[in-house]
N, C-alpha and C. Protein backbone atom coordinates (compact mmCIF):
# COMPACT_ATOMS: atom_id res chain seq x y z
N MET A 1 41.11 56.20 111.75
CA MET A 1 40.85 55.29 112.87
C MET A 1 40.81 56.08 114.18
N PRO A 2 39.75 56.01 114.94
CA PRO A 2 39.68 56.77 116.19
C PRO A 2 40.64 56.22 117.22
N PHE A 3 41.22 57.12 118.02
CA PHE A 3 42.17 56.71 119.04
C PHE A 3 41.45 56.10 120.24
N LYS A 4 42.04 55.07 120.79
CA LYS A 4 41.54 54.47 122.01
C LYS A 4 42.44 54.87 123.16
N LYS A 5 41.94 54.73 124.37
CA LYS A 5 42.74 55.03 125.55
C LYS A 5 43.94 54.10 125.60
N GLY A 6 45.12 54.67 125.73
CA GLY A 6 46.32 53.86 125.80
C GLY A 6 46.90 53.52 124.44
N TYR A 7 46.35 54.11 123.35
CA TYR A 7 46.82 53.79 122.01
C TYR A 7 48.23 54.36 121.81
N ARG A 8 49.12 53.57 121.24
CA ARG A 8 50.49 54.00 121.00
C ARG A 8 50.53 54.76 119.67
N VAL A 9 51.12 55.94 119.68
CA VAL A 9 51.11 56.78 118.49
C VAL A 9 52.53 57.07 118.03
N THR A 10 52.67 57.40 116.74
CA THR A 10 53.97 57.75 116.17
C THR A 10 54.28 59.21 116.49
N GLU A 11 55.53 59.60 116.26
CA GLU A 11 55.93 60.99 116.52
C GLU A 11 55.20 61.95 115.59
N GLU A 12 54.94 61.52 114.35
CA GLU A 12 54.21 62.38 113.40
C GLU A 12 52.80 62.66 113.91
N VAL A 13 52.12 61.62 114.39
CA VAL A 13 50.77 61.80 114.92
C VAL A 13 50.81 62.64 116.19
N ARG A 14 51.86 62.46 117.01
CA ARG A 14 51.96 63.23 118.24
C ARG A 14 52.08 64.73 117.95
N GLN A 15 52.84 65.07 116.89
CA GLN A 15 52.97 66.48 116.51
C GLN A 15 51.64 67.05 116.04
N LYS A 16 50.85 66.23 115.34
CA LYS A 16 49.52 66.68 114.92
C LYS A 16 48.63 66.91 116.14
N MET A 17 48.80 66.07 117.16
CA MET A 17 48.01 66.23 118.39
C MET A 17 48.39 67.53 119.09
N ILE A 18 49.70 67.86 119.09
CA ILE A 18 50.15 69.10 119.70
C ILE A 18 49.57 70.30 118.96
N ALA A 19 49.56 70.22 117.62
CA ALA A 19 48.98 71.30 116.83
C ALA A 19 47.49 71.44 117.10
N ALA A 20 46.82 70.30 117.29
CA ALA A 20 45.37 70.35 117.56
C ALA A 20 45.09 70.98 118.92
N ARG A 21 45.99 70.73 119.90
CA ARG A 21 45.77 71.33 121.22
C ARG A 21 45.86 72.85 121.17
N ALA A 22 46.65 73.36 120.23
CA ALA A 22 46.80 74.82 120.12
C ALA A 22 45.48 75.50 119.73
N LYS A 23 44.58 74.76 119.08
CA LYS A 23 43.29 75.33 118.69
C LYS A 23 42.42 75.64 119.90
N HIS A 24 42.70 74.99 121.04
CA HIS A 24 41.88 75.19 122.23
C HIS A 24 42.42 76.31 123.13
N VAL A 25 43.45 77.00 122.67
CA VAL A 25 44.06 78.05 123.49
C VAL A 25 43.07 79.13 123.89
N PRO A 26 42.26 79.70 122.97
CA PRO A 26 41.29 80.73 123.40
C PRO A 26 40.38 80.26 124.53
N HIS A 27 39.95 79.01 124.47
CA HIS A 27 39.09 78.46 125.52
C HIS A 27 39.83 78.43 126.86
N MET A 28 41.11 78.05 126.83
CA MET A 28 41.90 77.98 128.06
C MET A 28 42.15 79.37 128.63
N VAL A 29 42.40 80.34 127.74
CA VAL A 29 42.65 81.71 128.20
C VAL A 29 41.42 82.28 128.88
N GLY A 30 40.26 82.06 128.28
CA GLY A 30 39.03 82.61 128.84
C GLY A 30 38.63 81.96 130.15
N ARG A 31 38.93 80.69 130.32
CA ARG A 31 38.47 79.98 131.51
C ARG A 31 39.48 80.01 132.66
N TYR A 32 40.78 79.91 132.35
CA TYR A 32 41.78 79.75 133.41
C TYR A 32 42.66 80.97 133.62
N GLY A 33 42.42 82.04 132.90
CA GLY A 33 43.11 83.29 133.17
C GLY A 33 44.58 83.33 132.77
N ILE A 34 45.00 82.51 131.82
CA ILE A 34 46.38 82.56 131.34
C ILE A 34 46.41 83.30 130.01
N THR A 35 47.55 83.87 129.68
CA THR A 35 47.65 84.62 128.43
C THR A 35 47.80 83.68 127.25
N GLU A 36 47.36 84.14 126.09
CA GLU A 36 47.44 83.31 124.90
C GLU A 36 48.89 83.06 124.50
N GLU A 37 49.75 84.06 124.67
CA GLU A 37 51.16 83.91 124.33
C GLU A 37 51.82 82.83 125.21
N PHE A 38 51.48 82.85 126.49
CA PHE A 38 52.05 81.85 127.41
C PHE A 38 51.60 80.45 127.04
N ALA A 39 50.31 80.30 126.74
CA ALA A 39 49.77 78.98 126.40
C ALA A 39 50.41 78.44 125.14
N ARG A 40 50.54 79.28 124.11
CA ARG A 40 51.12 78.82 122.85
C ARG A 40 52.60 78.49 123.02
N ALA A 41 53.29 79.24 123.85
CA ALA A 41 54.71 78.97 124.09
C ALA A 41 54.90 77.64 124.81
N GLU A 42 54.03 77.34 125.78
CA GLU A 42 54.11 76.07 126.51
C GLU A 42 53.81 74.88 125.59
N ILE A 43 52.81 75.03 124.73
CA ILE A 43 52.46 73.96 123.80
C ILE A 43 53.58 73.75 122.79
N ALA A 44 54.17 74.85 122.29
CA ALA A 44 55.27 74.75 121.34
C ALA A 44 56.48 74.08 121.97
N ALA A 45 56.65 74.23 123.29
CA ALA A 45 57.76 73.59 124.00
C ALA A 45 57.51 72.11 124.26
N GLY A 46 56.35 71.60 123.84
CA GLY A 46 56.05 70.18 124.00
C GLY A 46 55.35 69.83 125.28
N LYS A 47 54.90 70.82 126.05
CA LYS A 47 54.21 70.54 127.30
C LYS A 47 52.73 70.26 127.05
N SER A 48 52.12 69.59 128.02
CA SER A 48 50.71 69.23 127.92
C SER A 48 49.93 69.81 129.09
N TRP A 49 48.65 69.99 128.85
CA TRP A 49 47.76 70.58 129.84
C TRP A 49 47.12 69.48 130.68
N CYS A 50 47.24 69.58 132.01
CA CYS A 50 46.60 68.62 132.90
C CYS A 50 45.22 69.15 133.27
N SER A 51 44.21 68.35 133.02
CA SER A 51 42.84 68.79 133.26
C SER A 51 42.47 68.82 134.74
N ASP A 52 43.31 68.22 135.61
CA ASP A 52 43.01 68.22 137.04
C ASP A 52 43.70 69.36 137.77
N CYS A 53 45.03 69.47 137.61
CA CYS A 53 45.74 70.55 138.33
C CYS A 53 45.75 71.85 137.55
N LYS A 54 45.16 71.85 136.33
CA LYS A 54 44.98 73.07 135.52
C LYS A 54 46.29 73.80 135.32
N SER A 55 47.30 73.07 134.82
CA SER A 55 48.60 73.67 134.55
C SER A 55 49.30 72.88 133.46
N PHE A 56 50.28 73.53 132.81
CA PHE A 56 51.09 72.86 131.81
C PHE A 56 52.20 72.09 132.51
N ARG A 57 52.42 70.87 132.07
CA ARG A 57 53.48 70.04 132.66
C ARG A 57 54.26 69.36 131.54
N ASP A 58 55.49 68.97 131.85
CA ASP A 58 56.33 68.31 130.86
C ASP A 58 55.68 67.01 130.39
N ARG A 59 55.96 66.66 129.15
CA ARG A 59 55.33 65.47 128.56
C ARG A 59 55.66 64.20 129.34
N ASP A 60 56.88 64.13 129.91
CA ASP A 60 57.25 62.91 130.63
C ASP A 60 56.46 62.73 131.92
N GLN A 61 55.74 63.77 132.36
CA GLN A 61 54.89 63.64 133.53
C GLN A 61 53.56 62.95 133.20
N PHE A 62 53.32 62.70 131.93
CA PHE A 62 52.08 62.04 131.50
C PHE A 62 52.32 60.62 131.03
N GLY A 63 53.57 60.17 130.99
CA GLY A 63 53.87 58.87 130.40
C GLY A 63 54.45 59.08 129.01
N ASN A 64 55.22 58.13 128.55
CA ASN A 64 55.95 58.31 127.30
C ASN A 64 55.16 57.93 126.06
N GLU A 65 54.19 57.02 126.19
CA GLU A 65 53.57 56.49 124.99
C GLU A 65 52.06 56.60 124.96
N LYS A 66 51.44 56.92 126.09
CA LYS A 66 49.99 56.88 126.14
C LYS A 66 49.40 58.29 126.11
N ARG A 67 48.23 58.38 125.51
CA ARG A 67 47.50 59.64 125.50
C ARG A 67 46.85 59.82 126.87
N ARG A 68 47.21 60.89 127.56
CA ARG A 68 46.69 61.14 128.88
C ARG A 68 46.16 62.57 128.97
N ILE A 69 45.15 62.77 129.78
CA ILE A 69 44.65 64.11 130.03
C ILE A 69 44.99 64.57 131.44
N ARG A 70 45.53 63.65 132.25
CA ARG A 70 45.95 63.97 133.61
C ARG A 70 47.40 63.57 133.81
N CYS A 71 48.13 64.35 134.58
CA CYS A 71 49.52 64.02 134.87
C CYS A 71 49.58 62.86 135.86
N ARG A 72 50.78 62.31 136.05
CA ARG A 72 50.93 61.15 136.93
C ARG A 72 50.49 61.47 138.36
N ASP A 73 50.88 62.65 138.86
CA ASP A 73 50.54 63.00 140.24
C ASP A 73 49.04 63.05 140.45
N CYS A 74 48.33 63.67 139.52
CA CYS A 74 46.87 63.76 139.64
C CYS A 74 46.21 62.40 139.46
N ARG A 75 46.79 61.57 138.57
CA ARG A 75 46.23 60.24 138.37
C ARG A 75 46.40 59.37 139.61
N ARG A 76 47.58 59.47 140.25
CA ARG A 76 47.80 58.72 141.50
C ARG A 76 46.85 59.19 142.58
N LYS A 77 46.62 60.50 142.64
CA LYS A 77 45.72 61.04 143.65
C LYS A 77 44.30 60.52 143.45
N ARG A 78 43.85 60.47 142.19
CA ARG A 78 42.51 59.95 141.89
C ARG A 78 42.42 58.46 142.21
N ASP A 79 43.47 57.71 141.86
CA ASP A 79 43.48 56.27 142.14
C ASP A 79 43.40 56.01 143.64
N LYS A 80 44.15 56.81 144.41
CA LYS A 80 44.15 56.65 145.86
C LYS A 80 42.78 56.94 146.45
N GLN A 81 42.14 58.00 145.97
CA GLN A 81 40.81 58.35 146.46
C GLN A 81 39.80 57.27 146.10
N ARG A 82 39.90 56.72 144.89
CA ARG A 82 38.98 55.67 144.46
C ARG A 82 39.18 54.41 145.30
N TYR A 83 40.45 54.09 145.62
CA TYR A 83 40.73 52.90 146.42
C TYR A 83 40.22 53.08 147.85
N GLU A 84 40.43 54.26 148.44
CA GLU A 84 39.97 54.49 149.80
C GLU A 84 38.45 54.47 149.90
N LYS A 85 37.77 54.82 148.82
CA LYS A 85 36.32 54.83 148.82
C LYS A 85 35.75 53.42 148.81
N ASN A 86 36.40 52.51 148.07
CA ASN A 86 35.89 51.13 147.96
C ASN A 86 37.08 50.18 147.77
N PRO A 87 37.82 49.88 148.85
CA PRO A 87 39.05 49.06 148.71
C PRO A 87 38.79 47.64 148.23
N GLU A 88 37.68 47.01 148.68
CA GLU A 88 37.41 45.63 148.27
C GLU A 88 37.17 45.54 146.76
N TYR A 89 36.39 46.46 146.23
CA TYR A 89 36.10 46.45 144.80
C TYR A 89 37.35 46.71 143.99
N GLU A 90 38.16 47.69 144.41
CA GLU A 90 39.37 48.04 143.66
C GLU A 90 40.38 46.91 143.68
N THR A 91 40.51 46.22 144.83
CA THR A 91 41.44 45.09 144.90
C THR A 91 41.02 43.98 143.96
N ALA A 92 39.72 43.67 143.93
CA ALA A 92 39.22 42.63 143.03
C ALA A 92 39.37 43.04 141.57
N ARG A 93 39.13 44.31 141.28
CA ARG A 93 39.23 44.79 139.89
C ARG A 93 40.68 44.72 139.40
N ARG A 94 41.63 45.14 140.24
CA ARG A 94 43.04 45.12 139.85
C ARG A 94 43.54 43.69 139.69
N SER A 95 43.09 42.80 140.58
CA SER A 95 43.49 41.41 140.50
C SER A 95 42.96 40.78 139.21
N ALA A 96 41.71 41.05 138.87
CA ALA A 96 41.12 40.50 137.65
C ALA A 96 41.85 41.02 136.42
N HIS A 97 42.22 42.30 136.42
CA HIS A 97 42.94 42.88 135.29
C HIS A 97 44.32 42.25 135.16
N TYR A 98 45.00 42.00 136.27
CA TYR A 98 46.33 41.42 136.24
C TYR A 98 46.31 40.02 135.63
N TYR A 99 45.40 39.17 136.11
CA TYR A 99 45.36 37.79 135.62
C TYR A 99 44.79 37.69 134.20
N ALA A 100 44.05 38.70 133.76
CA ALA A 100 43.54 38.71 132.40
C ALA A 100 44.60 39.20 131.41
N ASN A 101 45.68 39.80 131.92
CA ASN A 101 46.72 40.35 131.06
C ASN A 101 48.11 39.92 131.56
N LEU A 102 48.26 38.63 131.81
CA LEU A 102 49.50 38.12 132.38
C LEU A 102 50.71 38.38 131.49
N LYS A 103 50.54 38.24 130.18
CA LYS A 103 51.66 38.44 129.27
C LYS A 103 52.15 39.89 129.30
N VAL A 104 51.20 40.82 129.24
CA VAL A 104 51.55 42.25 129.27
C VAL A 104 52.15 42.62 130.63
N GLU A 105 51.55 42.11 131.70
CA GLU A 105 52.06 42.42 133.03
C GLU A 105 53.47 41.84 133.23
N GLY A 106 53.72 40.66 132.64
CA GLY A 106 55.05 40.08 132.72
C GLY A 106 56.09 40.94 132.02
N GLN A 107 55.74 41.48 130.85
CA GLN A 107 56.65 42.36 130.13
C GLN A 107 56.91 43.65 130.91
N ARG A 108 55.84 44.17 131.54
CA ARG A 108 56.00 45.40 132.32
C ARG A 108 56.88 45.16 133.53
N LYS A 109 56.72 43.99 134.16
CA LYS A 109 57.56 43.65 135.31
C LYS A 109 59.02 43.53 134.90
N LYS A 110 59.26 42.93 133.72
CA LYS A 110 60.63 42.80 133.24
C LYS A 110 61.24 44.17 132.95
N LYS A 111 60.48 45.06 132.32
CA LYS A 111 60.98 46.40 132.04
C LYS A 111 61.30 47.15 133.33
N TRP A 112 60.42 46.99 134.33
CA TRP A 112 60.66 47.66 135.62
C TRP A 112 61.93 47.12 136.26
N HIS A 113 62.10 45.78 136.24
CA HIS A 113 63.29 45.16 136.83
C HIS A 113 64.55 45.67 136.13
N LEU A 114 64.55 45.73 134.80
CA LEU A 114 65.72 46.18 134.06
C LEU A 114 65.99 47.67 134.27
N SER A 115 64.93 48.48 134.39
CA SER A 115 65.12 49.92 134.57
C SER A 115 65.82 50.25 135.87
N ARG A 116 65.67 49.38 136.88
CA ARG A 116 66.37 49.61 138.16
C ARG A 116 67.88 49.55 137.97
N TYR A 117 68.33 48.83 136.96
CA TYR A 117 69.75 48.65 136.72
C TYR A 117 70.22 49.36 135.45
N GLY A 118 69.42 50.31 134.99
CA GLY A 118 69.81 51.10 133.82
C GLY A 118 69.92 50.29 132.55
N ALA A 119 69.22 49.16 132.48
CA ALA A 119 69.29 48.27 131.31
C ALA A 119 67.99 48.34 130.51
N THR A 120 68.05 47.85 129.30
CA THR A 120 66.89 47.80 128.42
C THR A 120 66.63 46.36 127.99
N LEU A 121 65.47 46.14 127.36
CA LEU A 121 65.14 44.82 126.85
C LEU A 121 66.13 44.38 125.78
N GLU A 122 66.61 45.35 124.97
CA GLU A 122 67.58 45.03 123.93
C GLU A 122 68.89 44.53 124.55
N TRP A 123 69.34 45.22 125.62
CA TRP A 123 70.55 44.78 126.31
C TRP A 123 70.36 43.39 126.91
N TYR A 124 69.21 43.17 127.52
CA TYR A 124 68.92 41.87 128.15
C TYR A 124 68.95 40.75 127.11
N GLN A 125 68.29 40.96 125.97
CA GLN A 125 68.22 39.92 124.95
C GLN A 125 69.60 39.63 124.36
N ALA A 126 70.40 40.69 124.13
CA ALA A 126 71.74 40.50 123.58
C ALA A 126 72.62 39.73 124.57
N LYS A 127 72.51 40.10 125.85
CA LYS A 127 73.31 39.43 126.88
C LYS A 127 72.87 37.98 127.05
N PHE A 128 71.58 37.75 126.98
CA PHE A 128 71.03 36.39 127.14
C PHE A 128 71.54 35.47 126.03
N ILE A 129 71.56 35.98 124.79
CA ILE A 129 72.07 35.20 123.66
C ILE A 129 73.57 34.98 123.81
N GLU A 130 74.28 36.00 124.29
CA GLU A 130 75.73 35.88 124.50
C GLU A 130 76.05 34.79 125.52
N GLN A 131 75.17 34.59 126.50
CA GLN A 131 75.36 33.57 127.54
C GLN A 131 74.74 32.23 127.14
N ASN A 132 74.45 32.03 125.86
CA ASN A 132 73.85 30.79 125.37
C ASN A 132 72.50 30.51 126.03
N GLU A 133 71.75 31.60 126.30
CA GLU A 133 70.39 31.53 126.84
C GLU A 133 70.33 30.76 128.16
N GLY A 134 71.26 31.07 129.04
CA GLY A 134 71.29 30.45 130.36
C GLY A 134 72.03 31.32 131.35
N CYS A 135 72.08 30.86 132.58
CA CYS A 135 72.80 31.58 133.64
C CYS A 135 74.28 31.65 133.29
N ALA A 136 74.91 32.79 133.59
CA ALA A 136 76.32 32.98 133.25
C ALA A 136 77.24 32.08 134.06
N ILE A 137 76.77 31.56 135.20
CA ILE A 137 77.62 30.72 136.05
C ILE A 137 77.30 29.24 135.87
N CYS A 138 76.07 28.85 136.14
CA CYS A 138 75.72 27.42 136.09
C CYS A 138 75.12 26.99 134.75
N GLY A 139 74.73 27.95 133.93
CA GLY A 139 74.16 27.62 132.62
C GLY A 139 72.71 27.22 132.65
N SER A 140 72.06 27.27 133.82
CA SER A 140 70.66 26.87 133.93
C SER A 140 69.77 27.81 133.11
N ALA A 141 68.81 27.24 132.41
CA ALA A 141 67.86 28.03 131.63
C ALA A 141 66.61 28.37 132.43
N THR A 142 66.57 27.91 133.69
CA THR A 142 65.42 28.18 134.57
C THR A 142 65.83 29.21 135.61
N PRO A 143 65.40 30.46 135.47
CA PRO A 143 65.82 31.51 136.40
C PRO A 143 65.34 31.28 137.82
N ASP A 144 64.02 31.03 137.97
CA ASP A 144 63.43 30.91 139.30
C ASP A 144 62.00 30.44 139.13
N VAL A 145 61.47 29.77 140.13
CA VAL A 145 60.08 29.29 140.04
C VAL A 145 59.09 30.45 140.04
N ARG A 146 59.51 31.60 140.57
CA ARG A 146 58.61 32.76 140.66
C ARG A 146 58.82 33.75 139.53
N SER A 147 59.79 33.52 138.66
CA SER A 147 60.10 34.49 137.62
C SER A 147 60.44 33.77 136.33
N ASN A 148 60.24 34.45 135.20
CA ASN A 148 60.55 33.84 133.91
C ASN A 148 61.71 34.57 133.23
N PHE A 149 62.47 35.37 133.97
CA PHE A 149 63.62 36.04 133.40
C PHE A 149 64.77 36.08 134.40
N MET A 150 65.98 36.17 133.87
CA MET A 150 67.18 36.16 134.69
C MET A 150 67.33 37.46 135.48
N PHE A 151 68.14 37.37 136.54
CA PHE A 151 68.40 38.53 137.38
C PHE A 151 69.67 39.24 136.89
N VAL A 152 69.65 40.57 136.93
CA VAL A 152 70.80 41.35 136.50
C VAL A 152 71.80 41.42 137.65
N ASP A 153 72.99 40.89 137.42
CA ASP A 153 74.05 40.93 138.43
C ASP A 153 74.86 42.21 138.26
N HIS A 154 75.25 42.82 139.37
CA HIS A 154 76.06 44.04 139.30
C HIS A 154 77.00 44.11 140.50
N ARG A 155 78.03 44.91 140.35
CA ARG A 155 79.02 45.07 141.42
C ARG A 155 78.48 46.04 142.45
N HIS A 156 78.33 45.57 143.68
CA HIS A 156 77.80 46.40 144.75
C HIS A 156 78.83 47.44 145.18
N GLY A 157 78.36 48.58 145.61
CA GLY A 157 79.25 49.63 146.07
C GLY A 157 79.50 50.71 145.05
N CYS A 158 79.15 50.46 143.79
CA CYS A 158 79.35 51.47 142.75
C CYS A 158 78.19 52.47 142.73
N CYS A 159 76.98 51.94 142.76
CA CYS A 159 75.77 52.77 142.69
C CYS A 159 74.94 52.59 143.96
N PRO A 160 73.97 53.47 144.22
CA PRO A 160 73.07 53.30 145.37
C PRO A 160 72.35 51.97 145.31
N ARG A 161 71.86 51.51 146.46
CA ARG A 161 71.20 50.22 146.56
C ARG A 161 70.02 50.13 145.60
N GLY A 162 69.93 49.03 144.86
CA GLY A 162 68.85 48.85 143.91
C GLY A 162 69.08 49.51 142.57
N LYS A 163 70.29 50.09 142.35
CA LYS A 163 70.60 50.75 141.09
C LYS A 163 71.87 50.17 140.51
N ALA A 164 72.10 50.42 139.23
CA ALA A 164 73.34 49.97 138.57
C ALA A 164 73.56 50.81 137.32
N CYS A 165 74.79 50.83 136.85
CA CYS A 165 75.15 51.56 135.65
C CYS A 165 75.95 50.64 134.73
N ASP A 166 76.40 51.17 133.59
CA ASP A 166 77.15 50.36 132.63
C ASP A 166 78.48 49.89 133.22
N LYS A 167 79.03 50.62 134.19
CA LYS A 167 80.33 50.25 134.76
C LYS A 167 80.21 49.07 135.73
N CYS A 168 79.13 49.01 136.50
CA CYS A 168 79.02 47.96 137.52
C CYS A 168 78.10 46.81 137.11
N ARG A 169 77.35 46.97 136.01
CA ARG A 169 76.46 45.90 135.56
C ARG A 169 77.30 44.80 134.91
N ARG A 170 77.03 43.54 135.31
CA ARG A 170 77.83 42.43 134.81
C ARG A 170 77.00 41.53 133.89
N GLY A 171 76.50 40.42 134.37
CA GLY A 171 75.78 39.49 133.51
C GLY A 171 74.42 39.13 134.06
N LEU A 172 73.83 38.06 133.52
CA LEU A 172 72.51 37.58 133.94
C LEU A 172 72.68 36.26 134.68
N LEU A 173 72.06 36.17 135.86
CA LEU A 173 72.19 34.98 136.70
C LEU A 173 70.82 34.46 137.11
N CYS A 174 70.76 33.16 137.40
CA CYS A 174 69.56 32.60 138.00
C CYS A 174 69.53 33.02 139.47
N SER A 175 68.41 32.81 140.13
CA SER A 175 68.27 33.29 141.51
C SER A 175 69.25 32.59 142.45
N ARG A 176 69.51 31.32 142.22
CA ARG A 176 70.41 30.58 143.11
C ARG A 176 71.83 31.11 143.04
N CYS A 177 72.34 31.29 141.82
CA CYS A 177 73.70 31.83 141.65
C CYS A 177 73.77 33.29 142.08
N ASN A 178 72.71 34.02 141.84
CA ASN A 178 72.69 35.43 142.23
C ASN A 178 72.78 35.58 143.75
N ASN A 179 72.02 34.76 144.48
CA ASN A 179 72.06 34.80 145.94
C ASN A 179 73.42 34.36 146.48
N SER A 180 73.99 33.32 145.88
CA SER A 180 75.29 32.83 146.33
C SER A 180 76.38 33.87 146.08
N LEU A 181 76.33 34.50 144.92
CA LEU A 181 77.34 35.51 144.59
C LEU A 181 77.24 36.72 145.51
N GLU A 182 76.02 37.04 145.91
CA GLU A 182 75.82 38.16 146.84
C GLU A 182 76.50 37.86 148.18
N ARG A 183 76.44 36.61 148.63
CA ARG A 183 77.10 36.24 149.89
C ARG A 183 78.62 36.27 149.75
N ILE A 184 79.12 35.85 148.59
CA ILE A 184 80.57 35.89 148.36
C ILE A 184 81.07 37.33 148.38
N ASP A 185 80.28 38.25 147.79
CA ASP A 185 80.67 39.65 147.73
C ASP A 185 80.64 40.32 149.10
N ASN A 186 79.67 39.95 149.92
CA ASN A 186 79.42 40.72 151.14
C ASN A 186 79.85 40.04 152.44
N ILE A 187 80.08 38.73 152.44
CA ILE A 187 80.47 38.02 153.65
C ILE A 187 81.91 37.54 153.52
N PRO A 188 82.82 38.03 154.35
CA PRO A 188 84.23 37.61 154.25
C PRO A 188 84.37 36.09 154.43
N ASP A 189 85.20 35.47 153.61
CA ASP A 189 85.52 34.04 153.69
C ASP A 189 84.27 33.16 153.63
N TRP A 190 83.26 33.59 152.88
CA TRP A 190 82.02 32.82 152.81
C TRP A 190 82.27 31.44 152.19
N ILE A 191 83.10 31.38 151.15
CA ILE A 191 83.35 30.10 150.48
C ILE A 191 84.02 29.11 151.44
N GLU A 192 85.05 29.59 152.15
CA GLU A 192 85.75 28.71 153.10
C GLU A 192 84.82 28.23 154.20
N LYS A 193 83.97 29.14 154.69
CA LYS A 193 83.03 28.76 155.75
C LYS A 193 82.01 27.75 155.25
N ALA A 194 81.55 27.94 154.02
CA ALA A 194 80.57 27.01 153.46
C ALA A 194 81.18 25.63 153.24
N LEU A 195 82.41 25.58 152.75
CA LEU A 195 83.09 24.29 152.54
C LEU A 195 83.36 23.59 153.87
N ALA A 196 83.74 24.40 154.88
CA ALA A 196 84.00 23.80 156.21
C ALA A 196 82.70 23.25 156.80
N TYR A 197 81.58 23.94 156.58
CA TYR A 197 80.29 23.47 157.07
C TYR A 197 79.94 22.14 156.41
N LEU A 198 80.10 22.04 155.09
CA LEU A 198 79.76 20.79 154.41
C LEU A 198 80.68 19.65 154.86
N ALA A 199 81.95 19.98 155.08
CA ALA A 199 82.90 18.95 155.50
C ALA A 199 82.57 18.40 156.87
N SER A 200 81.98 19.24 157.74
CA SER A 200 81.67 18.78 159.09
C SER A 200 80.54 17.77 159.11
N TYR A 201 79.78 17.65 158.03
CA TYR A 201 78.66 16.71 157.98
C TYR A 201 78.93 15.51 157.07
N ARG A 202 80.14 15.35 156.60
CA ARG A 202 80.47 14.20 155.76
C ARG A 202 80.70 12.97 156.61
């Protein structure tokens, strides 16, 4: 089966791809002036050749699961140049791609949100089941009108802003409880002030 762009491959297939890249070493030596020993050593170390910056880079610079011929830095540079050349077309193209792949984009957004707090989808699902598939405080199964997943609550002050670790990560909350808890953590006597405010209007 021929590989498509973005095709997810197994580790066995990836090793075959690395071996196949070694066959192109003479071509690289003749064109880019690197020694054959250096090229084979870099390939054996698991590095990949970027066709834009003409250098070997670590595999994680290309993405973890997709077949790429350009590293992330070169890909971002190309994307930026393409956008600056025709911003209206690129905006429309990206918008059309997003709405045509809402399910995939939603999963990617969830992974990005969890990665900020050092969590994984497996941790999220286990925690969600542990909380009876609802908010840990109010039990609501509706996280937010703008989101379809719960927010990761964590103890502030342990890690840099926007980050969390296993020590400070707590549970999953809906947006309302998450915002309220943030005020309790950061504003002295917030509960007393809120109760006094409500009492003044009774």
